[in-house]
C-alpha cells in the first residue's frame, strides 16, 4: 500500500509536469508553424499578383538585349577595323 502512495506521488510530481512541459512545447511549435504558413500564403498571393506583369517586362528586356547586341556588333567591327590600321 505504501508503494502505491509513492508511485502516485511520483506520478503527480514528476511525470505529469514533464508531460505538461512537452505538450506545451509541441503546441507552441505547432502554433508558430501555423503562423508562418499563413504568412507564406499571404505572400504567395501577393506575389502571384505581381507575376501578371512579367511577360511585358520580358518583352522589354528582349528588345533591350537585341539593341545591345546590335551595338556590340557595331563596336566590335569598328574596333576590328581600328586594330587592322595599327
N, C-alpha and C. Protein backbone atom coordinates (compact mmCIF):
# COMPACT_ATOMS: atom_id res chain seq x y z
N UNK A 1 0.83 -1.19 0.00
CA UNK A 1 0.00 0.00 0.00
C UNK A 1 0.87 1.26 0.00
N UNK A 2 2.00 1.18 0.73
CA UNK A 2 2.89 2.33 0.80
C UNK A 2 3.54 2.60 -0.56
N UNK A 3 3.84 1.55 -1.32
CA UNK A 3 4.44 1.73 -2.64
C UNK A 3 3.46 2.38 -3.61
N UNK A 4 2.15 2.13 -3.43
CA UNK A 4 1.15 2.80 -4.28
C UNK A 4 1.16 4.30 -4.03
N UNK A 5 1.29 4.69 -2.79
CA UNK A 5 1.33 6.12 -2.47
C UNK A 5 2.58 6.78 -3.05
N UNK A 6 3.69 6.08 -2.95
CA UNK A 6 4.94 6.60 -3.51
C UNK A 6 4.84 6.68 -5.04
N UNK A 7 4.25 5.67 -5.64
CA UNK A 7 4.06 5.67 -7.10
C UNK A 7 3.13 6.80 -7.55
N UNK A 8 2.03 7.00 -6.85
CA UNK A 8 1.11 8.09 -7.19
C UNK A 8 1.75 9.45 -6.99
N UNK A 9 2.48 9.60 -5.90
CA UNK A 9 3.17 10.86 -5.63
C UNK A 9 4.21 11.14 -6.72
N UNK A 10 4.96 10.13 -7.09
CA UNK A 10 5.94 10.27 -8.16
C UNK A 10 5.27 10.61 -9.49
N UNK A 11 4.12 9.99 -9.74
CA UNK A 11 3.38 10.26 -10.96
C UNK A 11 2.94 11.72 -11.02
N UNK A 12 2.39 12.23 -9.95
CA UNK A 12 1.86 13.59 -9.96
C UNK A 12 2.94 14.66 -9.82
N UNK A 13 4.07 14.33 -9.23
CA UNK A 13 5.12 15.33 -9.05
C UNK A 13 6.17 15.32 -10.15
N UNK A 14 6.32 14.22 -10.88
CA UNK A 14 7.37 14.14 -11.90
C UNK A 14 6.78 13.94 -13.30
N UNK A 15 5.96 12.93 -13.46
CA UNK A 15 5.51 12.56 -14.79
C UNK A 15 4.53 13.58 -15.36
N UNK A 16 3.54 13.98 -14.59
CA UNK A 16 2.53 14.92 -15.09
C UNK A 16 3.14 16.27 -15.46
N UNK A 17 4.02 16.87 -14.65
CA UNK A 17 4.64 18.12 -15.08
C UNK A 17 5.53 17.95 -16.33
N UNK A 18 6.23 16.83 -16.42
CA UNK A 18 7.07 16.60 -17.60
C UNK A 18 6.22 16.49 -18.87
N UNK A 19 5.12 15.77 -18.78
CA UNK A 19 4.21 15.65 -19.93
C UNK A 19 3.62 17.01 -20.26
N UNK A 20 3.28 17.79 -19.25
CA UNK A 20 2.72 19.12 -19.47
C UNK A 20 3.72 20.03 -20.20
N UNK A 21 4.98 19.97 -19.82
CA UNK A 21 6.00 20.78 -20.48
C UNK A 21 6.17 20.35 -21.93
N UNK A 22 6.20 19.05 -22.17
CA UNK A 22 6.36 18.56 -23.54
C UNK A 22 5.18 18.92 -24.42
N UNK A 23 3.98 18.83 -23.90
CA UNK A 23 2.79 19.21 -24.67
C UNK A 23 2.80 20.71 -24.95
N UNK A 24 3.21 21.50 -23.97
CA UNK A 24 3.26 22.95 -24.15
C UNK A 24 4.26 23.31 -25.25
N UNK A 25 5.43 22.70 -25.25
CA UNK A 25 6.43 22.97 -26.30
C UNK A 25 5.92 22.56 -27.67
N UNK A 26 5.26 21.42 -27.73
CA UNK A 26 4.72 20.93 -29.01
C UNK A 26 3.65 21.86 -29.54
N UNK A 27 2.74 22.29 -28.69
CA UNK A 27 1.68 23.19 -29.13
C UNK A 27 2.22 24.55 -29.54
N UNK A 28 3.23 25.03 -28.84
CA UNK A 28 3.85 26.30 -29.21
C UNK A 28 4.49 26.19 -30.59
N UNK A 29 5.18 25.10 -30.86
CA UNK A 29 5.78 24.89 -32.18
C UNK A 29 4.72 24.79 -33.27
N UNK A 30 3.63 24.10 -32.97
CA UNK A 30 2.55 23.97 -33.95
C UNK A 30 1.94 25.33 -34.26
N UNK A 31 1.72 26.15 -33.25
CA UNK A 31 1.15 27.48 -33.47
C UNK A 31 2.11 28.38 -34.24
N UNK A 32 3.41 28.27 -33.99
CA UNK A 32 4.40 29.03 -34.76
C UNK A 32 4.40 28.61 -36.23
N UNK A 33 4.32 27.32 -36.46
CA UNK A 33 4.28 26.81 -37.84
C UNK A 33 3.03 27.31 -38.54
N UNK A 34 1.92 27.30 -37.83
CA UNK A 34 0.67 27.78 -38.41
C UNK A 34 0.76 29.26 -38.77
N UNK A 35 1.36 30.06 -37.91
CA UNK A 35 1.52 31.48 -38.19
C UNK A 35 2.42 31.70 -39.40
N UNK A 36 3.53 30.97 -39.47
CA UNK A 36 4.43 31.10 -40.61
C UNK A 36 3.76 30.64 -41.91
N UNK A 37 2.97 29.59 -41.83
CA UNK A 37 2.27 29.10 -43.02
C UNK A 37 1.27 30.14 -43.53
N UNK A 38 0.58 30.81 -42.62
CA UNK A 38 -0.35 31.88 -43.04
C UNK A 38 0.41 33.02 -43.70
N UNK A 39 1.55 33.41 -43.13
CA UNK A 39 2.36 34.48 -43.72
C UNK A 39 2.85 34.10 -45.11
N UNK A 40 3.28 32.87 -45.26
CA UNK A 40 3.74 32.39 -46.57
C UNK A 40 2.60 32.44 -47.57
N UNK A 41 1.43 32.00 -47.17
CA UNK A 41 0.28 32.01 -48.07
C UNK A 41 -0.08 33.43 -48.48
N UNK A 42 -0.06 34.36 -47.54
CA UNK A 42 -0.34 35.76 -47.87
C UNK A 42 0.67 36.31 -48.86
N UNK A 43 1.94 36.00 -48.65
CA UNK A 43 2.99 36.49 -49.55
C UNK A 43 2.90 35.85 -50.93
N UNK A 44 2.51 34.59 -50.99
CA UNK A 44 2.36 33.92 -52.29
C UNK A 44 1.22 34.56 -53.07
N UNK A 45 0.13 34.88 -52.40
CA UNK A 45 -0.99 35.53 -53.08
C UNK A 45 -0.55 36.89 -53.61
N UNK A 46 0.20 37.64 -52.82
CA UNK A 46 0.71 38.94 -53.27
C UNK A 46 1.67 38.76 -54.45
N UNK A 47 2.51 37.75 -54.38
CA UNK A 47 3.49 37.51 -55.44
C UNK A 47 2.82 37.12 -56.75
N UNK A 48 1.80 36.29 -56.70
CA UNK A 48 1.14 35.88 -57.93
C UNK A 48 0.46 37.07 -58.62
N UNK A 49 0.05 38.06 -57.86
CA UNK A 49 -0.50 39.26 -58.46
C UNK A 49 0.56 40.03 -59.23
N UNK A 50 1.80 39.97 -58.78
CA UNK A 50 2.90 40.67 -59.44
C UNK A 50 3.37 39.94 -60.70
N UNK A 51 3.08 38.65 -60.81
CA UNK A 51 3.55 37.87 -61.95
C UNK A 51 2.81 38.21 -63.24
N UNK A 52 1.69 38.88 -63.15
CA UNK A 52 0.96 39.25 -64.36
C UNK A 52 1.76 40.21 -65.23
N UNK A 53 2.64 40.99 -64.64
CA UNK A 53 3.42 41.97 -65.38
C UNK A 53 4.69 41.38 -66.00
N UNK A 54 5.04 40.16 -65.68
CA UNK A 54 6.30 39.57 -66.12
C UNK A 54 6.42 39.48 -67.65
N UNK A 55 5.40 39.01 -68.39
CA UNK A 55 5.57 38.94 -69.85
C UNK A 55 5.88 40.29 -70.50
N UNK A 56 5.26 41.36 -69.99
CA UNK A 56 5.55 42.69 -70.54
C UNK A 56 7.00 43.09 -70.28
N UNK A 57 7.47 42.83 -69.07
CA UNK A 57 8.86 43.17 -68.73
C UNK A 57 9.84 42.31 -69.54
N UNK A 58 9.49 41.05 -69.78
CA UNK A 58 10.37 40.20 -70.58
C UNK A 58 10.43 40.68 -72.03
N UNK A 59 9.32 41.17 -72.55
CA UNK A 59 9.34 41.71 -73.92
C UNK A 59 10.25 42.93 -74.00
N UNK A 60 10.18 43.81 -73.01
CA UNK A 60 11.06 44.98 -72.99
C UNK A 60 12.52 44.55 -72.87
N UNK A 61 12.78 43.59 -72.02
CA UNK A 61 14.14 43.08 -71.84
C UNK A 61 14.66 42.47 -73.13
N UNK A 62 13.82 41.74 -73.84
CA UNK A 62 14.22 41.13 -75.11
C UNK A 62 14.60 42.21 -76.12
N UNK A 63 13.86 43.27 -76.18
CA UNK A 63 14.18 44.36 -77.11
C UNK A 63 15.50 45.04 -76.72
N UNK A 64 15.71 45.26 -75.45
CA UNK A 64 16.95 45.88 -74.99
C UNK A 64 18.15 44.99 -75.30
N UNK A 65 18.01 43.70 -75.12
CA UNK A 65 19.10 42.76 -75.43
C UNK A 65 19.42 42.81 -76.92
N UNK A 66 18.40 42.89 -77.76
CA UNK A 66 18.65 42.97 -79.21
C UNK A 66 19.39 44.26 -79.55
N UNK A 67 19.01 45.37 -78.93
CA UNK A 67 19.68 46.64 -79.19
C UNK A 67 21.14 46.60 -78.73
N UNK A 68 21.36 46.03 -77.55
CA UNK A 68 22.72 45.94 -77.03
C UNK A 68 23.56 45.02 -77.91
N UNK A 69 22.99 43.94 -78.39
CA UNK A 69 23.73 43.02 -79.26
C UNK A 69 24.11 43.72 -80.56
N UNK A 70 23.17 44.47 -81.12
CA UNK A 70 23.48 45.19 -82.36
C UNK A 70 24.58 46.23 -82.13
N UNK A 71 24.50 46.95 -81.03
CA UNK A 71 25.53 47.92 -80.71
C UNK A 71 26.88 47.27 -80.46
N UNK A 72 26.87 46.14 -79.83
CA UNK A 72 28.13 45.43 -79.56
C UNK A 72 28.76 44.95 -80.85
N UNK A 73 27.93 44.49 -81.80
CA UNK A 73 28.48 44.07 -83.09
C UNK A 73 29.07 45.24 -83.85
N UNK A 74 28.37 46.38 -83.81
CA UNK A 74 28.92 47.57 -84.49
C UNK A 74 30.23 47.99 -83.85
N UNK A 75 30.29 47.97 -82.52
CA UNK A 75 31.50 48.36 -81.81
C UNK A 75 32.64 47.40 -82.14
N UNK A 76 32.33 46.11 -82.15
CA UNK A 76 33.38 45.11 -82.40
C UNK A 76 33.91 45.24 -83.82
N UNK A 77 33.02 45.48 -84.78
CA UNK A 77 33.50 45.61 -86.16
C UNK A 77 34.32 46.89 -86.32
N UNK A 78 33.92 47.97 -85.64
CA UNK A 78 34.71 49.21 -85.68
C UNK A 78 36.05 49.04 -85.00
N UNK A 79 36.06 48.36 -83.87
CA UNK A 79 37.32 48.13 -83.15
C UNK A 79 38.23 47.23 -83.97
N UNK A 80 37.65 46.28 -84.71
CA UNK A 80 38.44 45.39 -85.55
C UNK A 80 39.12 46.18 -86.68
N UNK A 81 38.37 47.12 -87.26
CA UNK A 81 38.94 47.95 -88.33
C UNK A 81 40.07 48.84 -87.80
N UNK A 82 39.88 49.39 -86.60
CA UNK A 82 40.93 50.23 -86.00
C UNK A 82 42.16 49.37 -85.69
N UNK A 83 41.95 48.15 -85.24
CA UNK A 83 43.08 47.28 -84.93
C UNK A 83 43.85 46.91 -86.19
N UNK A 84 43.15 46.79 -87.34
CA UNK A 84 43.82 46.45 -88.58
C UNK A 84 44.69 47.60 -89.08
N UNK A 85 44.28 48.85 -88.77
CA UNK A 85 45.05 50.01 -89.22
C UNK A 85 46.36 50.14 -88.49
N UNK A 86 46.45 49.65 -87.28
CA UNK A 86 47.66 49.81 -86.49
C UNK A 86 48.56 48.67 -86.69
